[in-house]
Amino acid sequence: QVQLVESGGGLVQAGGSLRLSCAASGSIFSLNEMGWYRQAPGKQRELVAVITSGGRTNYADSVKGRFTISRDNAKNTVYLQMNSLKPEDTAVYYCNSMLGSITYWGQGTQVTVSS
């Protein structure tokens, strides 16, 4: 069993920064692939960034150079540092954890970027 607790969302002006956190519990965190997804109103959920158990990362083209995903296995936490935020980044951001055939989702945290 894996539980994900997210924090760090909020309101920020365009050009500003936020850091999202996702704390995991209930399993062996170091073995899980972790990801961040987002969903804007009326649109499909899209992948933002992923990080494997070995630390390999991948990003959506829309956030490359602005967002950074990282993990702290000692704290069972994954982060998403978001810089140079744009209004089009406004969405609910979801933490994801995958191990084998089982996928877990966080509750989502709202990020709103004003212009």
N, C-alpha and C. Protein backbone atom coordinates (compact mmCIF):
# COMPACT_ATOMS: atom_id res chain seq x y z
N GLN A 1 0.84 -1.19 0.00
CA GLN A 1 0.00 0.00 0.00
C GLN A 1 0.88 1.25 0.00
N VAL A 2 0.49 2.21 -0.81
CA VAL A 2 1.20 3.48 -0.90
C VAL A 2 0.20 4.61 -0.74
N GLN A 3 0.54 5.56 0.11
CA GLN A 3 -0.24 6.78 0.26
C GLN A 3 0.63 7.97 -0.10
N LEU A 4 0.05 8.91 -0.84
CA LEU A 4 0.76 10.08 -1.31
C LEU A 4 0.09 11.34 -0.77
N VAL A 5 0.88 12.21 -0.16
CA VAL A 5 0.38 13.45 0.41
C VAL A 5 1.13 14.60 -0.23
N GLU A 6 0.40 15.47 -0.92
CA GLU A 6 0.98 16.56 -1.68
C GLU A 6 0.84 17.88 -0.94
N SER A 7 1.75 18.80 -1.25
CA SER A 7 1.71 20.14 -0.69
C SER A 7 2.48 21.08 -1.61
N GLY A 8 2.31 22.37 -1.40
CA GLY A 8 3.09 23.37 -2.10
C GLY A 8 2.37 24.16 -3.17
N GLY A 9 1.15 23.76 -3.52
CA GLY A 9 0.41 24.51 -4.51
C GLY A 9 -0.03 25.86 -3.99
N GLY A 10 -0.45 26.71 -4.92
CA GLY A 10 -0.90 28.03 -4.53
C GLY A 10 -1.01 28.96 -5.70
N LEU A 11 -1.08 30.24 -5.38
CA LEU A 11 -1.21 31.30 -6.37
C LEU A 11 0.11 32.04 -6.51
N VAL A 12 0.53 32.24 -7.75
CA VAL A 12 1.80 32.92 -8.01
C VAL A 12 1.65 33.75 -9.28
N GLN A 13 2.39 34.84 -9.35
CA GLN A 13 2.39 35.67 -10.55
C GLN A 13 3.25 35.05 -11.64
N ALA A 14 2.93 35.37 -12.88
CA ALA A 14 3.74 34.91 -14.00
C ALA A 14 5.20 35.30 -13.79
N GLY A 15 6.09 34.35 -14.07
CA GLY A 15 7.50 34.55 -13.85
C GLY A 15 7.98 34.09 -12.49
N GLY A 16 7.07 33.78 -11.60
CA GLY A 16 7.42 33.34 -10.27
C GLY A 16 7.72 31.86 -10.19
N SER A 17 7.91 31.38 -8.96
CA SER A 17 8.30 30.00 -8.72
C SER A 17 7.47 29.37 -7.61
N LEU A 18 7.33 28.06 -7.69
CA LEU A 18 6.73 27.25 -6.65
C LEU A 18 7.47 25.93 -6.57
N ARG A 19 7.46 25.31 -5.40
CA ARG A 19 7.98 23.96 -5.26
C ARG A 19 6.90 23.06 -4.68
N LEU A 20 6.54 22.03 -5.42
CA LEU A 20 5.58 21.05 -4.96
C LEU A 20 6.31 19.89 -4.29
N SER A 21 5.69 19.34 -3.26
CA SER A 21 6.24 18.19 -2.55
C SER A 21 5.21 17.08 -2.52
N CYS A 22 5.67 15.85 -2.55
CA CYS A 22 4.82 14.68 -2.45
C CYS A 22 5.50 13.68 -1.53
N ALA A 23 4.92 13.47 -0.37
CA ALA A 23 5.46 12.54 0.61
C ALA A 23 4.75 11.20 0.49
N ALA A 24 5.52 10.14 0.36
CA ALA A 24 4.98 8.80 0.18
C ALA A 24 5.19 7.97 1.44
N SER A 25 4.26 7.06 1.68
CA SER A 25 4.36 6.15 2.80
C SER A 25 3.70 4.83 2.44
N GLY A 26 4.03 3.79 3.19
CA GLY A 26 3.34 2.52 3.06
C GLY A 26 4.02 1.47 2.20
N SER A 27 5.14 1.81 1.57
CA SER A 27 5.85 0.85 0.74
C SER A 27 7.32 1.23 0.69
N ILE A 28 8.06 0.55 -0.18
CA ILE A 28 9.48 0.83 -0.33
C ILE A 28 9.63 1.92 -1.38
N PHE A 29 9.73 3.15 -0.91
CA PHE A 29 9.72 4.30 -1.79
C PHE A 29 10.85 4.27 -2.81
N SER A 30 12.01 3.83 -2.40
CA SER A 30 13.18 3.89 -3.27
C SER A 30 13.03 3.06 -4.54
N LEU A 31 12.11 2.10 -4.55
CA LEU A 31 11.92 1.23 -5.70
C LEU A 31 10.91 1.77 -6.70
N ASN A 32 10.17 2.80 -6.33
CA ASN A 32 9.07 3.30 -7.16
C ASN A 32 9.52 4.36 -8.15
N GLU A 33 8.93 4.29 -9.34
CA GLU A 33 9.03 5.40 -10.28
C GLU A 33 8.01 6.45 -9.86
N MET A 34 8.43 7.70 -9.81
CA MET A 34 7.57 8.79 -9.38
C MET A 34 7.36 9.77 -10.51
N GLY A 35 6.17 10.37 -10.53
CA GLY A 35 5.87 11.33 -11.58
C GLY A 35 4.96 12.44 -11.11
N TRP A 36 4.97 13.50 -11.88
CA TRP A 36 4.03 14.60 -11.71
C TRP A 36 3.21 14.75 -12.98
N TYR A 37 1.90 14.84 -12.82
CA TYR A 37 0.97 15.08 -13.90
C TYR A 37 0.18 16.34 -13.60
N ARG A 38 -0.46 16.90 -14.61
CA ARG A 38 -1.32 18.04 -14.37
C ARG A 38 -2.54 17.97 -15.28
N GLN A 39 -3.61 18.61 -14.82
CA GLN A 39 -4.85 18.64 -15.58
C GLN A 39 -5.49 20.01 -15.45
N ALA A 40 -5.63 20.69 -16.56
CA ALA A 40 -6.32 21.96 -16.61
C ALA A 40 -7.80 21.71 -16.85
N PRO A 41 -8.67 22.65 -16.46
CA PRO A 41 -10.11 22.45 -16.66
C PRO A 41 -10.45 22.18 -18.12
N GLY A 42 -11.23 21.13 -18.35
CA GLY A 42 -11.66 20.79 -19.69
C GLY A 42 -10.63 20.09 -20.54
N LYS A 43 -9.46 19.78 -19.98
CA LYS A 43 -8.41 19.13 -20.74
C LYS A 43 -8.01 17.81 -20.10
N GLN A 44 -7.33 16.97 -20.88
CA GLN A 44 -6.86 15.69 -20.38
C GLN A 44 -5.67 15.87 -19.44
N ARG A 45 -5.52 14.92 -18.55
CA ARG A 45 -4.37 14.91 -17.68
C ARG A 45 -3.12 14.61 -18.51
N GLU A 46 -2.06 15.36 -18.28
CA GLU A 46 -0.84 15.19 -19.05
C GLU A 46 0.36 14.99 -18.14
N LEU A 47 1.31 14.25 -18.66
CA LEU A 47 2.55 14.02 -17.94
C LEU A 47 3.40 15.28 -17.94
N VAL A 48 3.91 15.64 -16.77
CA VAL A 48 4.80 16.79 -16.64
C VAL A 48 6.25 16.34 -16.52
N ALA A 49 6.51 15.42 -15.61
CA ALA A 49 7.87 14.95 -15.37
C ALA A 49 7.84 13.61 -14.67
N VAL A 50 8.87 12.79 -14.90
CA VAL A 50 9.02 11.52 -14.21
C VAL A 50 10.44 11.36 -13.75
N ILE A 51 10.61 10.57 -12.69
CA ILE A 51 11.94 10.22 -12.21
C ILE A 51 11.91 8.76 -11.79
N THR A 52 12.85 7.97 -12.28
CA THR A 52 12.90 6.55 -11.99
C THR A 52 13.58 6.30 -10.65
N SER A 53 13.54 5.04 -10.22
CA SER A 53 14.21 4.67 -8.99
C SER A 53 15.72 4.92 -9.07
N GLY A 54 16.26 4.88 -10.29
CA GLY A 54 17.67 5.14 -10.49
C GLY A 54 18.02 6.59 -10.72
N GLY A 55 17.02 7.48 -10.71
CA GLY A 55 17.27 8.90 -10.83
C GLY A 55 17.20 9.45 -12.24
N ARG A 56 16.84 8.64 -13.21
CA ARG A 56 16.66 9.14 -14.57
C ARG A 56 15.40 9.99 -14.64
N THR A 57 15.46 11.08 -15.40
CA THR A 57 14.34 12.01 -15.49
C THR A 57 13.92 12.24 -16.93
N ASN A 58 12.67 12.65 -17.09
CA ASN A 58 12.15 13.04 -18.39
C ASN A 58 11.08 14.09 -18.17
N TYR A 59 10.97 15.03 -19.12
CA TYR A 59 10.05 16.15 -18.98
C TYR A 59 9.22 16.36 -20.23
N ALA A 60 8.02 16.88 -20.03
CA ALA A 60 7.24 17.34 -21.16
C ALA A 60 7.95 18.52 -21.82
N ASP A 61 7.82 18.61 -23.14
CA ASP A 61 8.49 19.69 -23.85
C ASP A 61 8.08 21.07 -23.32
N SER A 62 6.86 21.20 -22.88
CA SER A 62 6.35 22.49 -22.44
C SER A 62 7.00 23.00 -21.17
N VAL A 63 7.66 22.12 -20.41
CA VAL A 63 8.25 22.54 -19.14
C VAL A 63 9.76 22.38 -19.10
N LYS A 64 10.36 21.85 -20.14
CA LYS A 64 11.81 21.66 -20.17
C LYS A 64 12.53 22.99 -19.98
N GLY A 65 13.52 22.97 -19.12
CA GLY A 65 14.28 24.17 -18.83
C GLY A 65 13.69 25.04 -17.74
N ARG A 66 12.45 24.75 -17.34
CA ARG A 66 11.79 25.54 -16.31
C ARG A 66 11.48 24.72 -15.05
N PHE A 67 11.15 23.44 -15.23
CA PHE A 67 10.77 22.58 -14.11
C PHE A 67 11.87 21.56 -13.85
N THR A 68 12.01 21.16 -12.59
CA THR A 68 12.97 20.14 -12.21
C THR A 68 12.32 19.17 -11.23
N ILE A 69 12.35 17.88 -11.55
CA ILE A 69 11.87 16.86 -10.64
C ILE A 69 13.05 16.25 -9.90
N SER A 70 12.87 15.98 -8.63
CA SER A 70 13.92 15.37 -7.83
C SER A 70 13.29 14.51 -6.75
N ARG A 71 14.10 13.67 -6.11
CA ARG A 71 13.58 12.83 -5.05
C ARG A 71 14.60 12.71 -3.94
N ASP A 72 14.09 12.58 -2.73
CA ASP A 72 14.90 12.37 -1.54
C ASP A 72 14.43 11.06 -0.92
N ASN A 73 15.13 9.99 -1.20
CA ASN A 73 14.69 8.68 -0.74
C ASN A 73 14.72 8.56 0.78
N ALA A 74 15.62 9.27 1.43
CA ALA A 74 15.69 9.23 2.88
C ALA A 74 14.44 9.81 3.52
N LYS A 75 13.80 10.76 2.83
CA LYS A 75 12.58 11.39 3.32
C LYS A 75 11.32 10.88 2.63
N ASN A 76 11.47 9.91 1.73
CA ASN A 76 10.33 9.37 0.98
C ASN A 76 9.53 10.47 0.29
N THR A 77 10.23 11.40 -0.32
CA THR A 77 9.58 12.58 -0.88
C THR A 77 10.10 12.87 -2.28
N VAL A 78 9.18 13.26 -3.16
CA VAL A 78 9.53 13.71 -4.49
C VAL A 78 9.11 15.17 -4.63
N TYR A 79 9.89 15.95 -5.36
CA TYR A 79 9.66 17.38 -5.49
C TYR A 79 9.50 17.76 -6.96
N LEU A 80 8.81 18.86 -7.18
CA LEU A 80 8.77 19.48 -8.48
C LEU A 80 9.03 20.97 -8.30
N GLN A 81 10.23 21.40 -8.68
CA GLN A 81 10.57 22.81 -8.63
C GLN A 81 10.12 23.46 -9.93
N MET A 82 9.28 24.47 -9.84
CA MET A 82 8.71 25.13 -11.00
C MET A 82 9.15 26.58 -11.02
N ASN A 83 9.91 26.94 -12.03
CA ASN A 83 10.40 28.29 -12.21
C ASN A 83 9.83 28.90 -13.48
N SER A 84 9.92 30.22 -13.58
CA SER A 84 9.44 30.95 -14.75
C SER A 84 8.03 30.52 -15.12
N LEU A 85 7.16 30.49 -14.15
CA LEU A 85 5.80 30.01 -14.36
C LEU A 85 5.02 30.91 -15.32
N LYS A 86 4.18 30.27 -16.11
CA LYS A 86 3.34 30.94 -17.09
C LYS A 86 1.88 30.68 -16.77
N PRO A 87 0.98 31.56 -17.22
CA PRO A 87 -0.45 31.31 -16.98
C PRO A 87 -0.91 29.96 -17.51
N GLU A 88 -0.33 29.47 -18.59
CA GLU A 88 -0.72 28.18 -19.14
C GLU A 88 -0.28 27.00 -18.28
N ASP A 89 0.52 27.25 -17.25
CA ASP A 89 0.87 26.21 -16.29
C ASP A 89 -0.24 25.99 -15.25
N THR A 90 -1.24 26.84 -15.25
CA THR A 90 -2.33 26.71 -14.29
C THR A 90 -3.04 25.37 -14.48
N ALA A 91 -3.13 24.60 -13.40
CA ALA A 91 -3.73 23.27 -13.45
C ALA A 91 -3.74 22.68 -12.05
N VAL A 92 -4.41 21.56 -11.92
CA VAL A 92 -4.26 20.72 -10.73
C VAL A 92 -3.11 19.77 -10.99
N TYR A 93 -2.15 19.75 -10.10
CA TYR A 93 -0.98 18.91 -10.24
C TYR A 93 -1.12 17.68 -9.35
N TYR A 94 -0.86 16.51 -9.94
CA TYR A 94 -1.03 15.24 -9.26
C TYR A 94 0.30 14.50 -9.14
N CYS A 95 0.55 13.95 -7.98
CA CYS A 95 1.69 13.08 -7.75
C CYS A 95 1.30 11.66 -8.10
N ASN A 96 2.23 10.93 -8.70
CA ASN A 96 2.00 9.56 -9.14
C ASN A 96 3.15 8.67 -8.70
N SER A 97 2.81 7.46 -8.30
CA SER A 97 3.82 6.47 -7.91
C SER A 97 3.49 5.15 -8.58
N MET A 98 4.49 4.52 -9.17
CA MET A 98 4.28 3.26 -9.88
C MET A 98 5.35 2.25 -9.50
N LEU A 99 4.88 1.04 -9.19
CA LEU A 99 5.78 -0.07 -8.92
C LEU A 99 5.12 -1.32 -9.49
N GLY A 100 5.77 -1.93 -10.47
CA GLY A 100 5.18 -3.07 -11.13
C GLY A 100 3.89 -2.69 -11.83
N SER A 101 2.83 -3.42 -11.53
CA SER A 101 1.55 -3.19 -12.18
C SER A 101 0.62 -2.28 -11.39
N ILE A 102 1.08 -1.73 -10.28
CA ILE A 102 0.23 -0.93 -9.40
C ILE A 102 0.61 0.54 -9.48
N THR A 103 -0.40 1.39 -9.66
CA THR A 103 -0.20 2.83 -9.74
C THR A 103 -1.01 3.52 -8.65
N TYR A 104 -0.41 4.51 -8.01
CA TYR A 104 -1.06 5.30 -6.98
C TYR A 104 -1.06 6.77 -7.38
N TRP A 105 -2.07 7.49 -6.91
CA TRP A 105 -2.22 8.90 -7.19
C TRP A 105 -2.42 9.69 -5.91
N GLY A 106 -1.86 10.89 -5.89
CA GLY A 106 -2.16 11.82 -4.82
C GLY A 106 -3.49 12.50 -5.05
N GLN A 107 -3.86 13.36 -4.13
CA GLN A 107 -5.16 14.02 -4.18
C GLN A 107 -5.19 15.20 -5.15
N GLY A 108 -4.05 15.68 -5.54
CA GLY A 108 -3.95 16.84 -6.41
C GLY A 108 -3.82 18.13 -5.64
N THR A 109 -3.03 19.06 -6.17
CA THR A 109 -2.87 20.37 -5.56
C THR A 109 -2.97 21.43 -6.64
N GLN A 110 -3.71 22.48 -6.36
CA GLN A 110 -3.99 23.51 -7.35
C GLN A 110 -2.81 24.47 -7.48
N VAL A 111 -2.41 24.72 -8.72
CA VAL A 111 -1.42 25.74 -9.03
C VAL A 111 -2.09 26.75 -9.96
N THR A 112 -2.10 28.01 -9.55
CA THR A 112 -2.69 29.06 -10.34
C THR A 112 -1.65 30.14 -10.60
N VAL A 113 -1.45 30.46 -11.87
CA VAL A 113 -0.46 31.46 -12.27
C VAL A 113 -1.22 32.63 -12.89
N SER A 114 -1.09 33.78 -12.28
CA SER A 114 -1.78 34.97 -12.76
C SER A 114 -0.88 35.76 -13.70
N SER A 115 -1.50 36.49 -14.62
CA SER A 115 -0.77 37.29 -15.57
C SER A 115 -0.75 38.75 -15.17
